[in-house]
N, C-alpha and C. Protein backbone atom coordinates (compact mmCIF):
# COMPACT_ATOMS: atom_id res chain seq x y z
N MET A 1 -5.93 -6.96 21.42
CA MET A 1 -7.05 -7.88 21.24
C MET A 1 -7.80 -7.98 22.56
N TYR A 2 -9.06 -7.93 22.47
CA TYR A 2 -9.96 -7.97 23.61
C TYR A 2 -10.50 -9.39 23.69
N TYR A 3 -10.16 -10.11 24.75
CA TYR A 3 -10.51 -11.52 24.81
C TYR A 3 -11.05 -11.84 26.19
N ARG A 4 -12.11 -12.57 26.23
CA ARG A 4 -12.70 -13.01 27.49
C ARG A 4 -12.36 -14.47 27.72
N ASP A 5 -11.71 -14.76 28.83
CA ASP A 5 -11.36 -16.14 29.13
C ASP A 5 -12.20 -16.66 30.30
N TYR A 6 -11.88 -17.84 30.76
CA TYR A 6 -12.65 -18.51 31.81
C TYR A 6 -12.68 -17.68 33.09
N GLN A 7 -11.56 -17.07 33.42
CA GLN A 7 -11.49 -16.27 34.65
C GLN A 7 -12.45 -15.08 34.59
N ASP A 8 -12.59 -14.46 33.42
CA ASP A 8 -13.52 -13.35 33.27
C ASP A 8 -14.97 -13.82 33.49
N PHE A 9 -15.31 -15.00 33.02
CA PHE A 9 -16.67 -15.52 33.24
C PHE A 9 -16.92 -15.77 34.72
N GLU A 10 -15.91 -16.31 35.39
CA GLU A 10 -16.07 -16.55 36.83
C GLU A 10 -16.21 -15.23 37.59
N ASN A 11 -15.46 -14.22 37.21
CA ASN A 11 -15.58 -12.91 37.86
C ASN A 11 -16.95 -12.30 37.60
N LEU A 12 -17.48 -12.50 36.41
CA LEU A 12 -18.80 -11.98 36.08
C LEU A 12 -19.88 -12.63 36.93
N LYS A 13 -19.73 -13.93 37.17
CA LYS A 13 -20.71 -14.64 38.00
C LYS A 13 -20.73 -14.13 39.44
N ARG A 14 -19.60 -13.57 39.88
CA ARG A 14 -19.52 -13.05 41.25
C ARG A 14 -19.88 -11.56 41.32
N GLN A 15 -20.21 -10.95 40.19
CA GLN A 15 -20.52 -9.52 40.16
C GLN A 15 -22.02 -9.31 40.35
N TYR A 16 -22.40 -8.51 41.34
CA TYR A 16 -23.80 -8.23 41.60
C TYR A 16 -24.12 -6.74 41.49
N ASN A 17 -23.19 -5.96 40.94
CA ASN A 17 -23.44 -4.55 40.69
C ASN A 17 -23.99 -4.44 39.27
N LEU A 18 -25.28 -4.08 39.15
CA LEU A 18 -25.95 -4.05 37.86
C LEU A 18 -25.27 -3.09 36.89
N LYS A 19 -24.80 -1.96 37.37
CA LYS A 19 -24.16 -0.96 36.52
C LYS A 19 -22.89 -1.54 35.87
N ARG A 20 -22.07 -2.22 36.64
CA ARG A 20 -20.85 -2.81 36.10
C ARG A 20 -21.14 -3.90 35.08
N VAL A 21 -22.14 -4.72 35.33
CA VAL A 21 -22.50 -5.78 34.38
C VAL A 21 -22.99 -5.17 33.07
N GLU A 22 -23.82 -4.13 33.17
CA GLU A 22 -24.28 -3.46 31.95
C GLU A 22 -23.13 -2.81 31.20
N ASP A 23 -22.20 -2.20 31.91
CA ASP A 23 -21.03 -1.61 31.25
C ASP A 23 -20.22 -2.67 30.51
N GLU A 24 -20.01 -3.82 31.15
CA GLU A 24 -19.27 -4.90 30.50
C GLU A 24 -20.02 -5.40 29.26
N TYR A 25 -21.33 -5.48 29.35
CA TYR A 25 -22.14 -5.93 28.21
C TYR A 25 -21.96 -4.99 27.03
N TRP A 26 -22.09 -3.70 27.23
CA TRP A 26 -22.01 -2.74 26.13
C TRP A 26 -20.58 -2.62 25.60
N ARG A 27 -19.60 -2.72 26.48
CA ARG A 27 -18.20 -2.67 26.01
C ARG A 27 -17.90 -3.88 25.13
N THR A 28 -18.41 -5.05 25.53
CA THR A 28 -18.19 -6.26 24.74
C THR A 28 -18.94 -6.18 23.42
N ALA A 29 -20.15 -5.67 23.42
CA ALA A 29 -20.93 -5.53 22.18
C ALA A 29 -20.22 -4.57 21.22
N LYS A 30 -19.70 -3.46 21.74
CA LYS A 30 -18.98 -2.51 20.90
C LYS A 30 -17.72 -3.14 20.33
N HIS A 31 -17.02 -3.90 21.17
CA HIS A 31 -15.80 -4.55 20.71
C HIS A 31 -16.10 -5.60 19.64
N LEU A 32 -17.23 -6.29 19.78
CA LEU A 32 -17.60 -7.30 18.79
C LEU A 32 -17.75 -6.67 17.41
N VAL A 33 -18.34 -5.50 17.35
CA VAL A 33 -18.50 -4.80 16.07
C VAL A 33 -17.12 -4.45 15.50
N GLU A 34 -16.22 -3.99 16.34
CA GLU A 34 -14.87 -3.64 15.88
C GLU A 34 -14.13 -4.87 15.36
N VAL A 35 -14.28 -5.98 16.07
CA VAL A 35 -13.60 -7.21 15.66
C VAL A 35 -14.12 -7.68 14.32
N VAL A 36 -15.43 -7.66 14.13
CA VAL A 36 -16.02 -8.09 12.86
C VAL A 36 -15.54 -7.19 11.72
N GLU A 37 -15.48 -5.88 11.95
CA GLU A 37 -15.00 -4.97 10.92
C GLU A 37 -13.53 -5.24 10.58
N ASN A 38 -12.71 -5.47 11.61
CA ASN A 38 -11.30 -5.78 11.36
C ASN A 38 -11.14 -7.08 10.59
N LEU A 39 -11.94 -8.08 10.91
CA LEU A 39 -11.86 -9.35 10.19
C LEU A 39 -12.27 -9.19 8.73
N LYS A 40 -13.27 -8.37 8.47
CA LYS A 40 -13.67 -8.12 7.08
C LYS A 40 -12.56 -7.43 6.31
N ARG A 41 -11.91 -6.44 6.93
CA ARG A 41 -10.80 -5.76 6.26
C ARG A 41 -9.63 -6.72 6.04
N TYR A 42 -9.38 -7.60 7.00
CA TYR A 42 -8.28 -8.56 6.86
C TYR A 42 -8.57 -9.54 5.72
N LYS A 43 -9.82 -10.02 5.63
CA LYS A 43 -10.18 -10.92 4.55
C LYS A 43 -10.02 -10.24 3.20
N ALA A 44 -10.41 -8.97 3.10
CA ALA A 44 -10.26 -8.24 1.84
C ALA A 44 -8.78 -8.08 1.50
N ALA A 45 -7.94 -7.82 2.51
CA ALA A 45 -6.50 -7.70 2.26
C ALA A 45 -5.92 -9.03 1.80
N CYS A 46 -6.41 -10.14 2.34
CA CYS A 46 -5.95 -11.47 1.92
C CYS A 46 -6.29 -11.72 0.44
N VAL A 47 -7.49 -11.37 0.04
CA VAL A 47 -7.89 -11.55 -1.37
C VAL A 47 -7.04 -10.68 -2.27
N GLU A 48 -6.78 -9.44 -1.84
CA GLU A 48 -5.94 -8.53 -2.64
C GLU A 48 -4.52 -9.07 -2.78
N GLN A 49 -3.95 -9.58 -1.67
CA GLN A 49 -2.59 -10.12 -1.71
C GLN A 49 -2.55 -11.39 -2.56
N LYS A 50 -3.58 -12.19 -2.50
CA LYS A 50 -3.65 -13.41 -3.31
C LYS A 50 -3.62 -13.05 -4.80
N ASN A 51 -4.38 -12.02 -5.19
CA ASN A 51 -4.37 -11.58 -6.59
C ASN A 51 -3.01 -11.04 -6.99
N LEU A 52 -2.36 -10.31 -6.09
CA LEU A 52 -1.02 -9.79 -6.37
C LEU A 52 -0.02 -10.93 -6.57
N ILE A 53 -0.10 -11.95 -5.72
CA ILE A 53 0.81 -13.10 -5.83
C ILE A 53 0.57 -13.84 -7.15
N ASN A 54 -0.69 -13.99 -7.53
CA ASN A 54 -0.99 -14.69 -8.80
C ASN A 54 -0.44 -13.95 -10.00
N ASN A 55 -0.26 -12.64 -9.90
CA ASN A 55 0.25 -11.84 -11.01
C ASN A 55 1.75 -11.56 -10.90
N THR A 56 2.43 -12.15 -9.93
CA THR A 56 3.86 -11.94 -9.73
C THR A 56 4.63 -13.15 -10.23
N VAL A 57 5.72 -12.91 -10.93
CA VAL A 57 6.58 -13.99 -11.41
C VAL A 57 7.46 -14.47 -10.25
N ILE A 58 7.51 -15.77 -10.05
CA ILE A 58 8.34 -16.36 -9.01
C ILE A 58 9.56 -16.97 -9.69
N LYS A 59 10.75 -16.54 -9.26
CA LYS A 59 11.99 -17.06 -9.81
C LYS A 59 12.62 -18.04 -8.83
N GLN A 60 13.55 -18.86 -9.34
CA GLN A 60 14.21 -19.87 -8.53
C GLN A 60 15.70 -19.88 -8.80
N PHE A 61 16.44 -20.36 -7.81
CA PHE A 61 17.86 -20.63 -7.99
C PHE A 61 18.25 -21.76 -7.05
N VAL A 62 19.32 -22.47 -7.41
CA VAL A 62 19.86 -23.52 -6.55
C VAL A 62 20.98 -22.90 -5.73
N TYR A 63 20.88 -23.05 -4.42
CA TYR A 63 21.96 -22.53 -3.56
C TYR A 63 22.91 -23.66 -3.21
N PHE A 64 24.18 -23.32 -3.22
CA PHE A 64 25.26 -24.27 -2.90
C PHE A 64 26.16 -23.54 -1.90
N ASN A 65 25.90 -23.77 -0.63
CA ASN A 65 26.61 -23.04 0.43
C ASN A 65 27.58 -23.94 1.17
N ARG A 66 28.77 -23.42 1.38
CA ARG A 66 29.76 -24.10 2.21
C ARG A 66 29.80 -23.35 3.53
N ARG A 67 29.71 -24.10 4.63
CA ARG A 67 29.79 -23.45 5.93
C ARG A 67 30.56 -24.32 6.90
N THR A 68 31.09 -23.69 7.92
CA THR A 68 31.82 -24.40 8.96
C THR A 68 31.00 -24.34 10.23
N GLU A 69 30.77 -25.50 10.85
CA GLU A 69 30.00 -25.54 12.09
C GLU A 69 30.80 -24.86 13.20
N TYR A 70 30.12 -24.11 13.99
CA TYR A 70 30.77 -23.32 15.03
C TYR A 70 31.44 -24.20 16.09
N GLY A 71 30.72 -25.16 16.61
CA GLY A 71 31.23 -25.95 17.73
C GLY A 71 32.28 -26.98 17.36
N THR A 72 32.12 -27.63 16.19
CA THR A 72 33.00 -28.74 15.84
C THR A 72 34.02 -28.39 14.77
N ASN A 73 33.88 -27.24 14.13
CA ASN A 73 34.79 -26.81 13.07
C ASN A 73 34.72 -27.73 11.84
N ARG A 74 33.61 -28.44 11.67
CA ARG A 74 33.45 -29.31 10.51
C ARG A 74 32.84 -28.55 9.35
N VAL A 75 33.25 -28.92 8.16
CA VAL A 75 32.72 -28.29 6.95
C VAL A 75 31.46 -29.03 6.52
N LYS A 76 30.46 -28.25 6.12
CA LYS A 76 29.21 -28.82 5.59
C LYS A 76 28.83 -28.06 4.33
N TYR A 77 28.13 -28.75 3.45
CA TYR A 77 27.61 -28.14 2.23
C TYR A 77 26.09 -28.23 2.28
N GLU A 78 25.45 -27.10 2.06
CA GLU A 78 23.99 -27.05 2.02
C GLU A 78 23.56 -26.81 0.58
N VAL A 79 22.63 -27.64 0.09
CA VAL A 79 22.17 -27.55 -1.28
C VAL A 79 20.64 -27.59 -1.27
N GLY A 80 20.03 -26.78 -2.10
CA GLY A 80 18.57 -26.79 -2.20
C GLY A 80 18.11 -25.76 -3.22
N VAL A 81 16.80 -25.65 -3.37
CA VAL A 81 16.21 -24.70 -4.31
C VAL A 81 15.53 -23.60 -3.51
N MET A 82 15.79 -22.37 -3.91
CA MET A 82 15.21 -21.20 -3.25
C MET A 82 14.29 -20.49 -4.23
N ASN A 83 13.11 -20.09 -3.75
CA ASN A 83 12.15 -19.32 -4.54
C ASN A 83 12.14 -17.88 -4.07
N TYR A 84 11.89 -16.94 -4.99
CA TYR A 84 11.74 -15.54 -4.60
C TYR A 84 10.91 -14.82 -5.64
N PRO A 85 10.14 -13.81 -5.23
CA PRO A 85 9.34 -13.08 -6.21
C PRO A 85 10.21 -12.13 -7.02
N ASP A 86 9.84 -11.93 -8.27
CA ASP A 86 10.60 -11.04 -9.15
C ASP A 86 10.12 -9.60 -8.94
N ILE A 87 10.49 -9.04 -7.80
CA ILE A 87 10.17 -7.66 -7.46
C ILE A 87 11.43 -7.00 -6.91
N GLU A 88 11.38 -5.70 -6.70
CA GLU A 88 12.53 -5.00 -6.12
C GLU A 88 12.75 -5.53 -4.71
N ASN A 89 13.99 -5.87 -4.38
CA ASN A 89 14.36 -6.46 -3.10
C ASN A 89 13.61 -7.76 -2.82
N GLY A 90 13.36 -8.54 -3.86
CA GLY A 90 12.62 -9.79 -3.72
C GLY A 90 13.34 -10.83 -2.90
N PHE A 91 14.69 -10.68 -2.77
CA PHE A 91 15.46 -11.65 -2.00
C PHE A 91 15.04 -11.65 -0.53
N ARG A 92 14.41 -10.60 -0.07
CA ARG A 92 13.96 -10.53 1.33
C ARG A 92 12.81 -11.50 1.62
N TYR A 93 12.11 -11.92 0.58
CA TYR A 93 10.93 -12.75 0.75
C TYR A 93 11.15 -14.17 0.25
N GLN A 94 12.38 -14.62 0.18
CA GLN A 94 12.66 -15.93 -0.40
C GLN A 94 12.30 -17.06 0.57
N TRP A 95 12.00 -18.22 0.00
CA TRP A 95 11.66 -19.40 0.78
C TRP A 95 12.16 -20.63 0.06
N ASN A 96 12.40 -21.69 0.83
CA ASN A 96 12.90 -22.95 0.27
C ASN A 96 11.79 -23.70 -0.45
N GLU A 97 12.18 -24.37 -1.51
CA GLU A 97 11.26 -25.29 -2.18
C GLU A 97 11.20 -26.55 -1.31
N PRO A 98 10.01 -26.94 -0.88
CA PRO A 98 9.90 -28.10 0.02
C PRO A 98 10.47 -29.37 -0.59
N GLY A 99 11.21 -30.12 0.20
CA GLY A 99 11.74 -31.41 -0.22
C GLY A 99 13.01 -31.37 -1.04
N THR A 100 13.64 -30.21 -1.19
CA THR A 100 14.85 -30.14 -2.01
C THR A 100 16.11 -29.91 -1.18
N SER A 101 16.01 -29.50 0.05
CA SER A 101 17.19 -29.17 0.85
C SER A 101 17.90 -30.42 1.36
N LYS A 102 19.21 -30.43 1.20
CA LYS A 102 20.04 -31.52 1.71
C LYS A 102 21.34 -30.96 2.24
N ASP A 103 21.87 -31.60 3.27
CA ASP A 103 23.18 -31.26 3.82
C ASP A 103 24.16 -32.38 3.49
N PHE A 104 25.39 -31.99 3.17
CA PHE A 104 26.44 -32.95 2.86
C PHE A 104 27.64 -32.65 3.74
N GLY A 105 28.38 -33.70 4.10
CA GLY A 105 29.59 -33.52 4.89
C GLY A 105 30.71 -32.93 4.05
N GLY A 106 31.79 -32.55 4.70
CA GLY A 106 32.91 -31.90 4.03
C GLY A 106 33.55 -32.75 2.95
N ARG A 107 33.58 -34.06 3.13
CA ARG A 107 34.20 -34.95 2.15
C ARG A 107 33.25 -35.29 1.01
N GLU A 108 32.01 -34.84 1.09
CA GLU A 108 31.01 -35.17 0.08
C GLU A 108 30.76 -34.00 -0.87
N LYS A 109 31.77 -33.21 -1.13
CA LYS A 109 31.60 -32.04 -1.98
C LYS A 109 31.18 -32.44 -3.39
N LYS A 110 31.74 -33.52 -3.90
CA LYS A 110 31.42 -33.96 -5.25
C LYS A 110 29.94 -34.36 -5.36
N GLN A 111 29.44 -35.12 -4.35
CA GLN A 111 28.02 -35.49 -4.35
C GLN A 111 27.13 -34.27 -4.21
N ALA A 112 27.57 -33.30 -3.41
CA ALA A 112 26.79 -32.06 -3.24
C ALA A 112 26.72 -31.30 -4.56
N ARG A 113 27.83 -31.22 -5.26
CA ARG A 113 27.86 -30.53 -6.55
C ARG A 113 26.96 -31.24 -7.57
N GLU A 114 27.02 -32.57 -7.59
CA GLU A 114 26.17 -33.34 -8.51
C GLU A 114 24.69 -33.13 -8.19
N TYR A 115 24.35 -33.12 -6.91
CA TYR A 115 22.96 -32.90 -6.51
C TYR A 115 22.50 -31.50 -6.93
N ALA A 116 23.38 -30.51 -6.77
CA ALA A 116 23.04 -29.14 -7.18
C ALA A 116 22.81 -29.08 -8.68
N GLU A 117 23.62 -29.78 -9.46
CA GLU A 117 23.45 -29.80 -10.91
C GLU A 117 22.16 -30.51 -11.31
N GLN A 118 21.81 -31.58 -10.59
CA GLN A 118 20.54 -32.27 -10.85
C GLN A 118 19.36 -31.33 -10.59
N LEU A 119 19.41 -30.61 -9.46
CA LEU A 119 18.33 -29.67 -9.14
C LEU A 119 18.25 -28.55 -10.18
N ALA A 120 19.41 -28.05 -10.61
CA ALA A 120 19.42 -26.98 -11.60
C ALA A 120 18.80 -27.45 -12.92
N ALA A 121 19.07 -28.69 -13.30
CA ALA A 121 18.49 -29.22 -14.53
C ALA A 121 16.98 -29.46 -14.36
N LYS A 122 16.59 -29.96 -13.21
CA LYS A 122 15.18 -30.26 -12.97
C LYS A 122 14.34 -28.99 -12.92
N TYR A 123 14.82 -27.97 -12.20
CA TYR A 123 14.06 -26.73 -12.04
C TYR A 123 14.43 -25.65 -13.05
N ARG A 124 15.37 -25.96 -13.93
CA ARG A 124 15.82 -25.03 -14.98
C ARG A 124 16.20 -23.66 -14.42
N CYS A 125 17.16 -23.70 -13.51
CA CYS A 125 17.62 -22.44 -12.89
C CYS A 125 19.12 -22.51 -12.66
N GLU A 126 19.70 -21.40 -12.25
CA GLU A 126 21.14 -21.30 -12.07
C GLU A 126 21.55 -21.76 -10.67
N ILE A 127 22.85 -22.04 -10.53
CA ILE A 127 23.42 -22.42 -9.24
C ILE A 127 24.14 -21.19 -8.69
N ARG A 128 23.81 -20.83 -7.45
CA ARG A 128 24.47 -19.70 -6.79
C ARG A 128 25.21 -20.21 -5.58
N GLN A 129 26.42 -19.67 -5.43
CA GLN A 129 27.23 -20.08 -4.27
C GLN A 129 27.27 -18.99 -3.25
C-alpha cells in the first residue's frame, strides 16, 4: 500500500528540486488510479461473496465441551451454538452465535447439560461433544 503521511508532507515542503517534485506528483497520480481500480474490484468481490452467502445454507449445532484449565487443573464446561456453512470443509469457517456461549464450573455439569438441551430445543439442532 502506498500511503503518504505527515512526514512525507513535511519532506515535500523542504524539497526545492522541481524534477523530484514532478516525479512524486506523477507517481502519486498513477498510484491513485491503481488504488481506485483495486477498490472497484474489491467492491465487486464483496457483492459476489454476499450473493454466494445468501445462497448458502447455514447449519448449526450446540457444542458441549469439557476442558481442563492448564494452570489450575480445574474442569470447565463450555456450551454454546456454533454456525457453519453447508459446504465442503465448512467446519473451517464456523463462528459462534452471539449471546449463546456460557462457561460452567466442574461441579455444574448438570446445569451445563440442561443449558445445552435448552439451546438445542431453541435452535432446533443437535448437541455435539
